[in-house]
Amino acid sequence: LWETGVSFLIGETGHVIAEAPRERYALVPAIIVGAALILVALR
């Protein structure tokens, strides 16, 4: 489930396809997605 969330944010990022993703590539999209949720909740 965690890997699915990372994949939804950035796609496949392993050394070879079908490997576990590298979460660091999903950090920027995760921050922007979190900001979007805050914006719709507050504004």
Full PDB file with SEQRES, HELIX, SHEET, SSBOND, CRYST1, ORIGX, SCALE, CONECT and MASTER records, all heavy atoms in Angstrom:
SEQRES   1 A   43  LEU TRP GLU THR GLY VAL SER PHE LEU ILE GLY GLU THR          
SEQRES   2 A   43  GLY HIS VAL ILE ALA GLU ALA PRO ARG GLU ARG TYR ALA          
SEQRES   3 A   43  LEU VAL PRO ALA ILE ILE VAL GLY ALA ALA LEU ILE LEU          
SEQRES   4 A   43  VAL ALA LEU ARG                                              
HELIX    1 AA1 TRP A    2  ILE A   10  1                                   9    
HELIX    2 AA2 GLU A   23  ALA A   26  5                                   4    
HELIX    3 AA3 LEU A   27  LEU A   42  1                                  16    
CRYST1    1.000    1.000    1.000  90.00  90.00  90.00 P 1           1          
ORIGX1      1.000000  0.000000  0.000000        0.00000                         
ORIGX2      0.000000  1.000000  0.000000        0.00000                         
ORIGX3      0.000000  0.000000  1.000000        0.00000                         
SCALE1      1.000000  0.000000  0.000000        0.00000                         
SCALE2      0.000000  1.000000  0.000000        0.00000                         
SCALE3      0.000000  0.000000  1.000000        0.00000                         
ATOM      1  N   LEU A   1       0.829  -1.200   0.000  1.00  0.00           N  
ATOM      2  CA  LEU A   1       0.000   0.000   0.000  1.00  0.00           C  
ATOM      3  C   LEU A   1       0.866   1.253   0.000  1.00  0.00           C  
ATOM      4  O   LEU A   1       0.558   2.238  -0.683  1.00  0.00           O  
ATOM      5  CB  LEU A   1      -0.930  -0.011   1.219  1.00  0.00           C  
ATOM      6  CG  LEU A   1      -2.083  -1.025   1.172  1.00  0.00           C  
ATOM      7  CD1 LEU A   1      -2.791  -1.075   2.519  1.00  0.00           C  
ATOM      8  CD2 LEU A   1      -3.065  -0.679   0.060  1.00  0.00           C  
ATOM      9  N   TRP A   2       1.947   1.216   0.769  1.00  0.00           N  
ATOM     10  CA  TRP A   2       2.886   2.345   0.787  1.00  0.00           C  
ATOM     11  C   TRP A   2       3.517   2.548  -0.589  1.00  0.00           C  
ATOM     12  O   TRP A   2       3.609   3.674  -1.089  1.00  0.00           O  
ATOM     13  CB  TRP A   2       3.957   2.104   1.846  1.00  0.00           C  
ATOM     14  CG  TRP A   2       5.105   3.074   1.798  1.00  0.00           C  
ATOM     15  CD1 TRP A   2       6.331   2.874   1.219  1.00  0.00           C  
ATOM     16  CD2 TRP A   2       5.128   4.397   2.339  1.00  0.00           C  
ATOM     17  NE1 TRP A   2       7.117   3.982   1.365  1.00  0.00           N  
ATOM     18  CE2 TRP A   2       6.414   4.936   2.045  1.00  0.00           C  
ATOM     19  CE3 TRP A   2       4.210   5.179   3.033  1.00  0.00           C  
ATOM     20  CZ2 TRP A   2       6.781   6.227   2.437  1.00  0.00           C  
ATOM     21  CZ3 TRP A   2       4.591   6.460   3.420  1.00  0.00           C  
ATOM     22  CH2 TRP A   2       5.853   6.971   3.121  1.00  0.00           C  
ATOM     23  N   GLU A   3       3.952   1.470  -1.214  1.00  0.00           N  
ATOM     24  CA  GLU A   3       4.560   1.561  -2.531  1.00  0.00           C  
ATOM     25  C   GLU A   3       3.560   2.062  -3.580  1.00  0.00           C  
ATOM     26  O   GLU A   3       3.936   2.759  -4.519  1.00  0.00           O  
ATOM     27  CB  GLU A   3       5.128   0.203  -2.941  1.00  0.00           C  
ATOM     28  CG  GLU A   3       6.337  -0.220  -2.127  1.00  0.00           C  
ATOM     29  CD  GLU A   3       6.872  -1.576  -2.546  1.00  0.00           C  
ATOM     30  OE1 GLU A   3       6.215  -2.241  -3.386  1.00  0.00           O  
ATOM     31  OE2 GLU A   3       7.942  -1.973  -2.038  1.00  0.00           O  
ATOM     32  N   THR A   4       2.280   1.707  -3.389  1.00  0.00           N  
ATOM     33  CA  THR A   4       1.252   2.213  -4.304  1.00  0.00           C  
ATOM     34  C   THR A   4       1.139   3.725  -4.189  1.00  0.00           C  
ATOM     35  O   THR A   4       1.041   4.436  -5.199  1.00  0.00           O  
ATOM     36  CB  THR A   4      -0.104   1.559  -3.993  1.00  0.00           C  
ATOM     37  OG1 THR A   4      -0.010   0.156  -4.223  1.00  0.00           O  
ATOM     38  CG2 THR A   4      -1.199   2.133  -4.880  1.00  0.00           C  
ATOM     39  N   GLY A   5       1.162   4.236  -2.948  1.00  0.00           N  
ATOM     40  CA  GLY A   5       1.109   5.684  -2.761  1.00  0.00           C  
ATOM     41  C   GLY A   5       2.290   6.386  -3.404  1.00  0.00           C  
ATOM     42  O   GLY A   5       2.143   7.424  -4.072  1.00  0.00           O  
ATOM     43  N   VAL A   6       3.485   5.816  -3.243  1.00  0.00           N  
ATOM     44  CA  VAL A   6       4.679   6.400  -3.865  1.00  0.00           C  
ATOM     45  C   VAL A   6       4.565   6.352  -5.388  1.00  0.00           C  
ATOM     46  O   VAL A   6       4.887   7.313  -6.090  1.00  0.00           O  
ATOM     47  CB  VAL A   6       5.943   5.665  -3.390  1.00  0.00           C  
ATOM     48  CG1 VAL A   6       7.183   6.177  -4.128  1.00  0.00           C  
ATOM     49  CG2 VAL A   6       6.122   5.833  -1.880  1.00  0.00           C  
ATOM     50  N   SER A   7       4.084   5.228  -5.908  1.00  0.00           N  
ATOM     51  CA  SER A   7       3.926   5.084  -7.355  1.00  0.00           C  
ATOM     52  C   SER A   7       2.912   6.085  -7.897  1.00  0.00           C  
ATOM     53  O   SER A   7       3.102   6.647  -8.977  1.00  0.00           O  
ATOM     54  CB  SER A   7       3.501   3.656  -7.689  1.00  0.00           C  
ATOM     55  OG  SER A   7       3.301   3.498  -9.072  1.00  0.00           O  
ATOM     56  N   PHE A   8       1.831   6.325  -7.166  1.00  0.00           N  
ATOM     57  CA  PHE A   8       0.838   7.302  -7.605  1.00  0.00           C  
ATOM     58  C   PHE A   8       1.431   8.704  -7.667  1.00  0.00           C  
ATOM     59  O   PHE A   8       1.033   9.523  -8.492  1.00  0.00           O  
ATOM     60  CB  PHE A   8      -0.362   7.293  -6.658  1.00  0.00           C  
ATOM     61  CG  PHE A   8      -1.332   6.179  -6.926  1.00  0.00           C  
ATOM     62  CD1 PHE A   8      -1.042   5.165  -7.833  1.00  0.00           C  
ATOM     63  CD2 PHE A   8      -2.556   6.137  -6.277  1.00  0.00           C  
ATOM     64  CE1 PHE A   8      -1.942   4.133  -8.080  1.00  0.00           C  
ATOM     65  CE2 PHE A   8      -3.476   5.118  -6.515  1.00  0.00           C  
ATOM     66  CZ  PHE A   8      -3.162   4.116  -7.416  1.00  0.00           C  
ATOM     67  N   LEU A   9       2.387   8.987  -6.799  1.00  0.00           N  
ATOM     68  CA  LEU A   9       2.974  10.322  -6.752  1.00  0.00           C  
ATOM     69  C   LEU A   9       4.044  10.527  -7.812  1.00  0.00           C  
ATOM     70  O   LEU A   9       4.219  11.633  -8.318  1.00  0.00           O  
ATOM     71  CB  LEU A   9       3.578  10.584  -5.369  1.00  0.00           C  
ATOM     72  CG  LEU A   9       2.590  10.839  -4.236  1.00  0.00           C  
ATOM     73  CD1 LEU A   9       3.292  10.806  -2.894  1.00  0.00           C  
ATOM     74  CD2 LEU A   9       1.886  12.184  -4.424  1.00  0.00           C  
ATOM     75  N   ILE A  10       4.766   9.462  -8.180  1.00  0.00           N  
ATOM     76  CA  ILE A  10       5.925   9.678  -9.053  1.00  0.00           C  
ATOM     77  C   ILE A  10       6.157   8.574 -10.080  1.00  0.00           C  
ATOM     78  O   ILE A  10       6.931   8.750 -11.026  1.00  0.00           O  
ATOM     79  CB  ILE A  10       7.204   9.858  -8.188  1.00  0.00           C  
ATOM     80  CG1 ILE A  10       8.311  10.541  -8.977  1.00  0.00           C  
ATOM     81  CG2 ILE A  10       7.632   8.536  -7.591  1.00  0.00           C  
ATOM     82  CD1 ILE A  10       7.971  11.903  -9.467  1.00  0.00           C  
ATOM     83  N   GLY A  11       5.523   7.407  -9.939  1.00  0.00           N  
ATOM     84  CA  GLY A  11       5.750   6.334 -10.903  1.00  0.00           C  
ATOM     85  C   GLY A  11       6.816   5.367 -10.427  1.00  0.00           C  
ATOM     86  O   GLY A  11       7.194   5.357  -9.256  1.00  0.00           O  
ATOM     87  N   GLU A  12       7.327   4.531 -11.330  1.00  0.00           N  
ATOM     88  CA  GLU A  12       8.353   3.541 -10.984  1.00  0.00           C  
ATOM     89  C   GLU A  12       9.722   4.213 -10.926  1.00  0.00           C  
ATOM     90  O   GLU A  12      10.129   4.895 -11.859  1.00  0.00           O  
ATOM     91  CB  GLU A  12       8.375   2.422 -12.030  1.00  0.00           C  
ATOM     92  CG  GLU A  12       7.068   1.629 -12.049  1.00  0.00           C  
ATOM     93  CD  GLU A  12       7.333   0.146 -12.010  1.00  0.00           C  
ATOM     94  OE1 GLU A  12       8.276  -0.278 -11.325  1.00  0.00           O  
ATOM     95  OE2 GLU A  12       6.608  -0.573 -12.684  1.00  0.00           O  
ATOM     96  N   THR A  13      10.414   3.985  -9.825  1.00  0.00           N  
ATOM     97  CA  THR A  13      11.695   4.661  -9.629  1.00  0.00           C  
ATOM     98  C   THR A  13      12.805   3.720  -9.188  1.00  0.00           C  
ATOM     99  O   THR A  13      13.851   4.174  -8.745  1.00  0.00           O  
ATOM    100  CB  THR A  13      11.546   5.766  -8.568  1.00  0.00           C  
ATOM    101  OG1 THR A  13      11.069   5.173  -7.351  1.00  0.00           O  
ATOM    102  CG2 THR A  13      10.559   6.830  -9.020  1.00  0.00           C  
ATOM    103  N   GLY A  14      12.603   2.406  -9.245  1.00  0.00           N  
ATOM    104  CA  GLY A  14      13.635   1.463  -8.820  1.00  0.00           C  
ATOM    105  C   GLY A  14      14.796   1.416  -9.797  1.00  0.00           C  
ATOM    106  O   GLY A  14      14.728   1.934 -10.915  1.00  0.00           O  
ATOM    107  N   HIS A  15      15.893   0.768  -9.374  1.00  0.00           N  
ATOM    108  CA  HIS A  15      17.045   0.593 -10.268  1.00  0.00           C  
ATOM    109  C   HIS A  15      16.625  -0.163 -11.522  1.00  0.00           C  
ATOM    110  O   HIS A  15      17.088   0.110 -12.616  1.00  0.00           O  
ATOM    111  CB  HIS A  15      18.167  -0.181  -9.552  1.00  0.00           C  
ATOM    112  CG  HIS A  15      18.932   0.662  -8.590  1.00  0.00           C  
ATOM    113  ND1 HIS A  15      19.764   1.668  -8.993  1.00  0.00           N  
ATOM    114  CD2 HIS A  15      18.968   0.660  -7.237  1.00  0.00           C  
ATOM    115  CE1 HIS A  15      20.308   2.253  -7.931  1.00  0.00           C  
ATOM    116  NE2 HIS A  15      19.839   1.658  -6.853  1.00  0.00           N  
ATOM    117  N   VAL A  16      15.781  -1.163 -11.344  1.00  0.00           N  
ATOM    118  CA  VAL A  16      15.259  -1.960 -12.450  1.00  0.00           C  
ATOM    119  C   VAL A  16      13.758  -2.025 -12.265  1.00  0.00           C  
ATOM    120  O   VAL A  16      13.260  -2.009 -11.146  1.00  0.00           O  
ATOM    121  CB  VAL A  16      15.865  -3.381 -12.451  1.00  0.00           C  
ATOM    122  CG1 VAL A  16      15.292  -4.215 -13.589  1.00  0.00           C  
ATOM    123  CG2 VAL A  16      17.381  -3.298 -12.580  1.00  0.00           C  
ATOM    124  N   ILE A  17      13.022  -2.082 -13.355  1.00  0.00           N  
ATOM    125  CA  ILE A  17      11.579  -2.132 -13.259  1.00  0.00           C  
ATOM    126  C   ILE A  17      11.135  -3.285 -12.366  1.00  0.00           C  
ATOM    127  O   ILE A  17      11.758  -4.344 -12.353  1.00  0.00           O  
ATOM    128  CB  ILE A  17      10.954  -2.257 -14.664  1.00  0.00           C  
ATOM    129  CG1 ILE A  17       9.444  -2.038 -14.602  1.00  0.00           C  
ATOM    130  CG2 ILE A  17      11.268  -3.591 -15.293  1.00  0.00           C  
ATOM    131  CD1 ILE A  17       8.787  -1.875 -15.945  1.00  0.00           C  
ATOM    132  N   ALA A  18      10.094  -3.057 -11.597  1.00  0.00           N  
ATOM    133  CA  ALA A  18       9.517  -4.018 -10.644  1.00  0.00           C  
ATOM    134  C   ALA A  18      10.263  -4.048  -9.318  1.00  0.00           C  
ATOM    135  O   ALA A  18       9.918  -4.804  -8.437  1.00  0.00           O  
ATOM    136  CB  ALA A  18       9.443  -5.428 -11.219  1.00  0.00           C  
ATOM    137  N   GLU A  19      11.284  -3.192  -9.147  1.00  0.00           N  
ATOM    138  CA  GLU A  19      11.945  -3.089  -7.856  1.00  0.00           C  
ATOM    139  C   GLU A  19      11.205  -2.089  -6.975  1.00  0.00           C  
ATOM    140  O   GLU A  19      10.351  -1.332  -7.433  1.00  0.00           O  
ATOM    141  CB  GLU A  19      13.403  -2.661  -8.024  1.00  0.00           C  
ATOM    142  CG  GLU A  19      14.322  -3.763  -8.480  1.00  0.00           C  
ATOM    143  CD  GLU A  19      15.773  -3.380  -8.335  1.00  0.00           C  
ATOM    144  OE1 GLU A  19      16.055  -2.208  -8.063  1.00  0.00           O  
ATOM    145  OE2 GLU A  19      16.624  -4.267  -8.490  1.00  0.00           O  
ATOM    146  N   ALA A  20      11.530  -2.104  -5.690  1.00  0.00           N  
ATOM    147  CA  ALA A  20      10.908  -1.167  -4.763  1.00  0.00           C  
ATOM    148  C   ALA A  20      11.231   0.271  -5.165  1.00  0.00           C  
ATOM    149  O   ALA A  20      12.331   0.552  -5.651  1.00  0.00           O  
ATOM    150  CB  ALA A  20      11.408  -1.441  -3.344  1.00  0.00           C  
ATOM    151  N   PRO A  21      10.282   1.208  -4.978  1.00  0.00           N  
ATOM    152  CA  PRO A  21      10.517   2.590  -5.422  1.00  0.00           C  
ATOM    153  C   PRO A  21      11.465   3.332  -4.503  1.00  0.00           C  
ATOM    154  O   PRO A  21      11.676   2.954  -3.345  1.00  0.00           O  
ATOM    155  CB  PRO A  21       9.120   3.203  -5.376  1.00  0.00           C  
ATOM    156  CG  PRO A  21       8.412   2.425  -4.304  1.00  0.00           C  
ATOM    157  CD  PRO A  21       8.949   1.028  -4.397  1.00  0.00           C  
ATOM    158  N   ARG A  22      12.010   4.411  -5.021  1.00  0.00           N  
ATOM    159  CA  ARG A  22      12.830   5.319  -4.218  1.00  0.00           C  
ATOM    160  C   ARG A  22      11.925   6.462  -3.759  1.00  0.00           C  
ATOM    161  O   ARG A  22      11.552   7.337  -4.544  1.00  0.00           O  
ATOM    162  CB  ARG A  22      13.993   5.851  -5.041  1.00  0.00           C  
ATOM    163  CG  ARG A  22      14.940   4.785  -5.545  1.00  0.00           C  
ATOM    164  CD  ARG A  22      16.009   5.427  -6.397  1.00  0.00           C  
ATOM    165  NE  ARG A  22      16.906   4.447  -6.955  1.00  0.00           N  
ATOM    166  CZ  ARG A  22      17.898   4.764  -7.789  1.00  0.00           C  
ATOM    167  NH1 ARG A  22      18.080   6.002  -8.168  1.00  0.00           N  
ATOM    168  NH2 ARG A  22      18.687   3.827  -8.253  1.00  0.00           N  
ATOM    169  N   GLU A  23      11.628   6.471  -2.473  1.00  0.00           N  
ATOM    170  CA  GLU A  23      10.637   7.413  -1.949  1.00  0.00           C  
ATOM    171  C   GLU A  23      11.068   8.867  -2.105  1.00  0.00           C  
ATOM    172  O   GLU A  23      10.212   9.760  -2.205  1.00  0.00           O  
ATOM    173  CB  GLU A  23      10.367   7.120  -0.470  1.00  0.00           C  
ATOM    174  CG  GLU A  23       9.625   5.818  -0.217  1.00  0.00           C  
ATOM    175  CD  GLU A  23      10.547   4.623  -0.109  1.00  0.00           C  
ATOM    176  OE1 GLU A  23      11.753   4.781  -0.409  1.00  0.00           O  
ATOM    177  OE2 GLU A  23      10.072   3.529   0.275  1.00  0.00           O  
ATOM    178  N   ARG A  24      12.371   9.149  -2.146  1.00  0.00           N  
ATOM    179  CA  ARG A  24      12.805  10.547  -2.159  1.00  0.00           C  
ATOM    180  C   ARG A  24      12.307  11.295  -3.395  1.00  0.00           C  
ATOM    181  O   ARG A  24      12.097  12.505  -3.347  1.00  0.00           O  
ATOM    182  CB  ARG A  24      14.332  10.621  -2.066  1.00  0.00           C  
ATOM    183  CG  ARG A  24      15.085  10.014  -3.239  1.00  0.00           C  
ATOM    184  CD  ARG A  24      16.591  10.193  -3.040  1.00  0.00           C  
ATOM    185  NE  ARG A  24      17.376   9.678  -4.148  1.00  0.00           N  
ATOM    186  CZ  ARG A  24      17.787   8.431  -4.239  1.00  0.00           C  
ATOM    187  NH1 ARG A  24      17.471   7.557  -3.291  1.00  0.00           N  
ATOM    188  NH2 ARG A  24      18.502   8.027  -5.279  1.00  0.00           N  
ATOM    189  N   TYR A  25      12.105  10.583  -4.507  1.00  0.00           N  
ATOM    190  CA  TYR A  25      11.611  11.256  -5.707  1.00  0.00           C  
ATOM    191  C   TYR A  25      10.171  11.728  -5.523  1.00  0.00           C  
ATOM    192  O   TYR A  25       9.711  12.626  -6.233  1.00  0.00           O  
ATOM    193  CB  TYR A  25      11.675  10.309  -6.907  1.00  0.00           C  
ATOM    194  CG  TYR A  25      13.082  10.023  -7.383  1.00  0.00           C  
ATOM    195  CD1 TYR A  25      13.576   8.721  -7.406  1.00  0.00           C  
ATOM    196  CD2 TYR A  25      13.916  11.048  -7.813  1.00  0.00           C  
ATOM    197  CE1 TYR A  25      14.865   8.449  -7.842  1.00  0.00           C  
ATOM    198  CE2 TYR A  25      15.202  10.791  -8.247  1.00  0.00           C  
ATOM    199  CZ  TYR A  25      15.669   9.486  -8.262  1.00  0.00           C  
ATOM    200  OH  TYR A  25      16.945   9.220  -8.691  1.00  0.00           O  
ATOM    201  N   ALA A  26       9.440  11.130  -4.598  1.00  0.00           N  
ATOM    202  CA  ALA A  26       8.039  11.485  -4.378  1.00  0.00           C  
ATOM    203  C   ALA A  26       7.873  12.600  -3.359  1.00  0.00           C  
ATOM    204  O   ALA A  26       6.745  13.019  -3.096  1.00  0.00           O  
ATOM    205  CB  ALA A  26       7.257  10.254  -3.928  1.00  0.00           C  
ATOM    206  N   LEU A  27       8.978  13.106  -2.805  1.00  0.00           N  
ATOM    207  CA  LEU A  27       8.879  14.102  -1.736  1.00  0.00           C  
ATOM    208  C   LEU A  27       8.241  15.399  -2.235  1.00  0.00           C  
ATOM    209  O   LEU A  27       7.324  15.940  -1.593  1.00  0.00           O  
ATOM    210  CB  LEU A  27      10.268  14.376  -1.149  1.00  0.00           C  
ATOM    211  CG  LEU A  27      10.310  15.390  -0.001  1.00  0.00           C  
ATOM    212  CD1 LEU A  27       9.448  14.900   1.156  1.00  0.00           C  
ATOM    213  CD2 LEU A  27      11.757  15.621   0.461  1.00  0.00           C  
ATOM    214  N   VAL A  28       8.697  15.925  -3.364  1.00  0.00           N  
ATOM    215  CA  VAL A  28       8.148  17.184  -3.885  1.00  0.00           C  
ATOM    216  C   VAL A  28       6.665  17.058  -4.207  1.00  0.00           C  
ATOM    217  O   VAL A  28       5.857  17.889  -3.757  1.00  0.00           O  
ATOM    218  CB  VAL A  28       8.955  17.648  -5.118  1.00  0.00           C  
ATOM    219  CG1 VAL A  28       8.268  18.848  -5.788  1.00  0.00           C  
ATOM    220  CG2 VAL A  28      10.373  18.026  -4.710  1.00  0.00           C  
ATOM    221  N   PRO A  29       6.225  16.030  -4.974  1.00  0.00           N  
ATOM    222  CA  PRO A  29       4.783  15.892  -5.205  1.00  0.00           C  
ATOM    223  C   PRO A  29       3.995  15.722  -3.910  1.00  0.00           C  
ATOM    224  O   PRO A  29       2.876  16.235  -3.795  1.00  0.00           O  
ATOM    225  CB  PRO A  29       4.683  14.643  -6.083  1.00  0.00           C  
ATOM    226  CG  PRO A  29       6.000  14.520  -6.734  1.00  0.00           C  
ATOM    227  CD  PRO A  29       6.984  15.027  -5.730  1.00  0.00           C  
ATOM    228  N   ALA A  30       4.552  15.012  -2.929  1.00  0.00           N  
ATOM    229  CA  ALA A  30       3.840  14.805  -1.674  1.00  0.00           C  
ATOM    230  C   ALA A  30       3.605  16.130  -0.958  1.00  0.00           C  
ATOM    231  O   ALA A  30       2.519  16.372  -0.398  1.00  0.00           O  
ATOM    232  CB  ALA A  30       4.619  13.840  -0.778  1.00  0.00           C  
ATOM    233  N   ILE A  31       4.607  17.003  -0.978  1.00  0.00           N  
ATOM    234  CA  ILE A  31       4.452  18.313  -0.320  1.00  0.00           C  
ATOM    235  C   ILE A  31       3.374  19.138  -1.025  1.00  0.00           C  
ATOM    236  O   ILE A  31       2.519  19.757  -0.375  1.00  0.00           O  
ATOM    237  CB  ILE A  31       5.805  19.059  -0.327  1.00  0.00           C  
ATOM    238  CG1 ILE A  31       6.801  18.337   0.593  1.00  0.00           C  
ATOM    239  CG2 ILE A  31       5.626  20.505   0.116  1.00  0.00           C  
ATOM    240  CD1 ILE A  31       8.210  18.907   0.536  1.00  0.00           C  
ATOM    241  N   ILE A  32       3.377  19.139  -2.357  1.00  0.00           N  
ATOM    242  CA  ILE A  32       2.387  19.925  -3.097  1.00  0.00           C  
ATOM    243  C   ILE A  32       0.982  19.345  -2.910  1.00  0.00           C  
ATOM    244  O   ILE A  32       0.001  20.091  -2.767  1.00  0.00           O  
ATOM    245  CB  ILE A  32       2.770  19.993  -4.585  1.00  0.00           C  
ATOM    246  CG1 ILE A  32       4.117  20.696  -4.745  1.00  0.00           C  
ATOM    247  CG2 ILE A  32       1.700  20.712  -5.391  1.00  0.00           C  
ATOM    248  CD1 ILE A  32       4.621  20.766  -6.170  1.00  0.00           C  
ATOM    249  N   VAL A  33       0.872  18.017  -2.915  1.00  0.00           N  
ATOM    250  CA  VAL A  33      -0.431  17.391  -2.682  1.00  0.00           C  
ATOM    251  C   VAL A  33      -0.942  17.738  -1.283  1.00  0.00           C  
ATOM    252  O   VAL A  33      -2.133  18.047  -1.097  1.00  0.00           O  
ATOM    253  CB  VAL A  33      -0.333  15.869  -2.862  1.00  0.00           C  
ATOM    254  CG1 VAL A  33      -1.578  15.173  -2.329  1.00  0.00           C  
ATOM    255  CG2 VAL A  33      -0.134  15.523  -4.332  1.00  0.00           C  
ATOM    256  N   GLY A  34      -0.063  17.707  -0.286  1.00  0.00           N  
ATOM    257  CA  GLY A  34      -0.462  18.109   1.067  1.00  0.00           C  
ATOM    258  C   GLY A  34      -0.920  19.557   1.110  1.00  0.00           C  
ATOM    259  O   GLY A  34      -1.913  19.891   1.783  1.00  0.00           O  
ATOM    260  N   ALA A  35      -0.218  20.428   0.372  1.00  0.00           N  
ATOM    261  CA  ALA A  35      -0.626  21.837   0.312  1.00  0.00           C  
ATOM    262  C   ALA A  35      -1.994  21.981  -0.335  1.00  0.00           C  
ATOM    263  O   ALA A  35      -2.816  22.814   0.094  1.00  0.00           O  
ATOM    264  CB  ALA A  35       0.420  22.644  -0.446  1.00  0.00           C  
ATOM    265  N   ALA A  36      -2.273  21.175  -1.372  1.00  0.00           N  
ATOM    266  CA  ALA A  36      -3.581  21.233  -2.040  1.00  0.00           C  
ATOM    267  C   ALA A  36      -4.697  20.848  -1.074  1.00  0.00           C  
ATOM    268  O   ALA A  36      -5.773  21.472  -1.069  1.00  0.00           O  
ATOM    269  CB  ALA A  36      -3.584  20.319  -3.254  1.00  0.00           C  
ATOM    270  N   LEU A  37      -4.471  19.830  -0.255  1.00  0.00           N  
ATOM    271  CA  LEU A  37      -5.486  19.416   0.713  1.00  0.00           C  
ATOM    272  C   LEU A  37      -5.723  20.513   1.758  1.00  0.00           C  
ATOM    273  O   LEU A  37      -6.869  20.757   2.170  1.00  0.00           O  
ATOM    274  CB  LEU A  37      -5.050  18.116   1.398  1.00  0.00           C  
ATOM    275  CG  LEU A  37      -4.948  16.873   0.502  1.00  0.00           C  
ATOM    276  CD1 LEU A  37      -4.427  15.681   1.297  1.00  0.00           C  
ATOM    277  CD2 LEU A  37      -6.282  16.548  -0.128  1.00  0.00           C  
ATOM    278  N   ILE A  38      -4.649  21.180   2.187  1.00  0.00           N  
ATOM    279  CA  ILE A  38      -4.797  22.269   3.151  1.00  0.00           C  
ATOM    280  C   ILE A  38      -5.564  23.433   2.533  1.00  0.00           C  
ATOM    281  O   ILE A  38      -6.440  24.044   3.171  1.00  0.00           O  
ATOM    282  CB  ILE A  38      -3.406  22.729   3.647  1.00  0.00           C  
ATOM    283  CG1 ILE A  38      -2.744  21.606   4.456  1.00  0.00           C  
ATOM    284  CG2 ILE A  38      -3.528  23.994   4.494  1.00  0.00           C  
ATOM    285  CD1 ILE A  38      -1.313  21.900   4.854  1.00  0.00           C  
ATOM    286  N   LEU A  39      -5.265  23.740   1.264  1.00  0.00           N  
ATOM    287  CA  LEU A  39      -5.948  24.847   0.598  1.00  0.00           C  
ATOM    288  C   LEU A  39      -7.448  24.603   0.494  1.00  0.00           C  
ATOM    289  O   LEU A  39      -8.254  25.499   0.760  1.00  0.00           O  
ATOM    290  CB  LEU A  39      -5.345  25.062  -0.799  1.00  0.00           C  
ATOM    291  CG  LEU A  39      -3.976  25.746  -0.859  1.00  0.00           C  
ATOM    292  CD1 LEU A  39      -3.439  25.738  -2.285  1.00  0.00           C  
ATOM    293  CD2 LEU A  39      -4.078  27.181  -0.335  1.00  0.00           C  
ATOM    294  N   VAL A  40      -7.828  23.395   0.089  1.00  0.00           N  
ATOM    295  CA  VAL A  40      -9.265  23.138  -0.064  1.00  0.00           C  
ATOM    296  C   VAL A  40      -9.958  23.081   1.292  1.00  0.00           C  
ATOM    297  O   VAL A  40     -11.151  23.437   1.412  1.00  0.00           O  
ATOM    298  CB  VAL A  40      -9.495  21.841  -0.863  1.00  0.00           C  
ATOM    299  CG1 VAL A  40      -9.169  20.610  -0.033  1.00  0.00           C  
ATOM    300  CG2 VAL A  40     -10.939  21.764  -1.364  1.00  0.00           C  
ATOM    301  N   ALA A  41      -9.233  22.663   2.334  1.00  0.00           N  
ATOM    302  CA  ALA A  41      -9.839  22.588   3.660  1.00  0.00           C  
ATOM    303  C   ALA A  41     -10.003  23.969   4.286  1.00  0.00           C  
ATOM    304  O   ALA A  41     -11.020  24.240   4.951  1.00  0.00           O  
ATOM    305  CB  ALA A  41      -8.996  21.702   4.577  1.00  0.00           C  
ATOM    306  N   LEU A  42      -9.028  24.851   4.075  1.00  0.00           N  
ATOM    307  CA  LEU A  42      -9.047  26.158   4.740  1.00  0.00           C  
ATOM    308  C   LEU A  42      -9.622  27.267   3.875  1.00  0.00           C  
ATOM    309  O   LEU A  42     -10.250  28.201   4.403  1.00  0.00           O  
ATOM    310  CB  LEU A  42      -7.627  26.527   5.182  1.00  0.00           C  
ATOM    311  CG  LEU A  42      -6.949  25.575   6.183  1.00  0.00           C  
ATOM    312  CD1 LEU A  42      -5.571  26.091   6.550  1.00  0.00           C  
ATOM    313  CD2 LEU A  42      -7.803  25.404   7.425  1.00  0.00           C  
ATOM    314  N   ARG A  43      -9.410  27.185   2.570  1.00  0.00           N  
ATOM    315  CA  ARG A  43      -9.827  28.279   1.701  1.00  0.00           C  
ATOM    316  C   ARG A  43     -10.883  27.878   0.677  1.00  0.00           C  
ATOM    317  O   ARG A  43     -11.337  28.726  -0.085  1.00  0.00           O  
ATOM    318  CB  ARG A  43      -8.606  28.846   0.964  1.00  0.00           C  
ATOM    319  CG  ARG A  43      -7.551  29.432   1.885  1.00  0.00           C  
ATOM    320  CD  ARG A  43      -6.493  30.160   1.081  1.00  0.00           C  
ATOM    321  NE  ARG A  43      -5.466  30.729   1.933  1.00  0.00           N  
ATOM    322  CZ  ARG A  43      -4.443  31.469   1.484  1.00  0.00           C  
ATOM    323  NH1 ARG A  43      -4.341  31.716   0.168  1.00  0.00           N  
ATOM    324  NH2 ARG A  43      -3.545  31.952   2.313  1.00  0.00           N  
TER     325      ARG A  43                                                      
MASTER        0    0    0    3    0    0    0    6  324    1    0    4          
END                                                                             
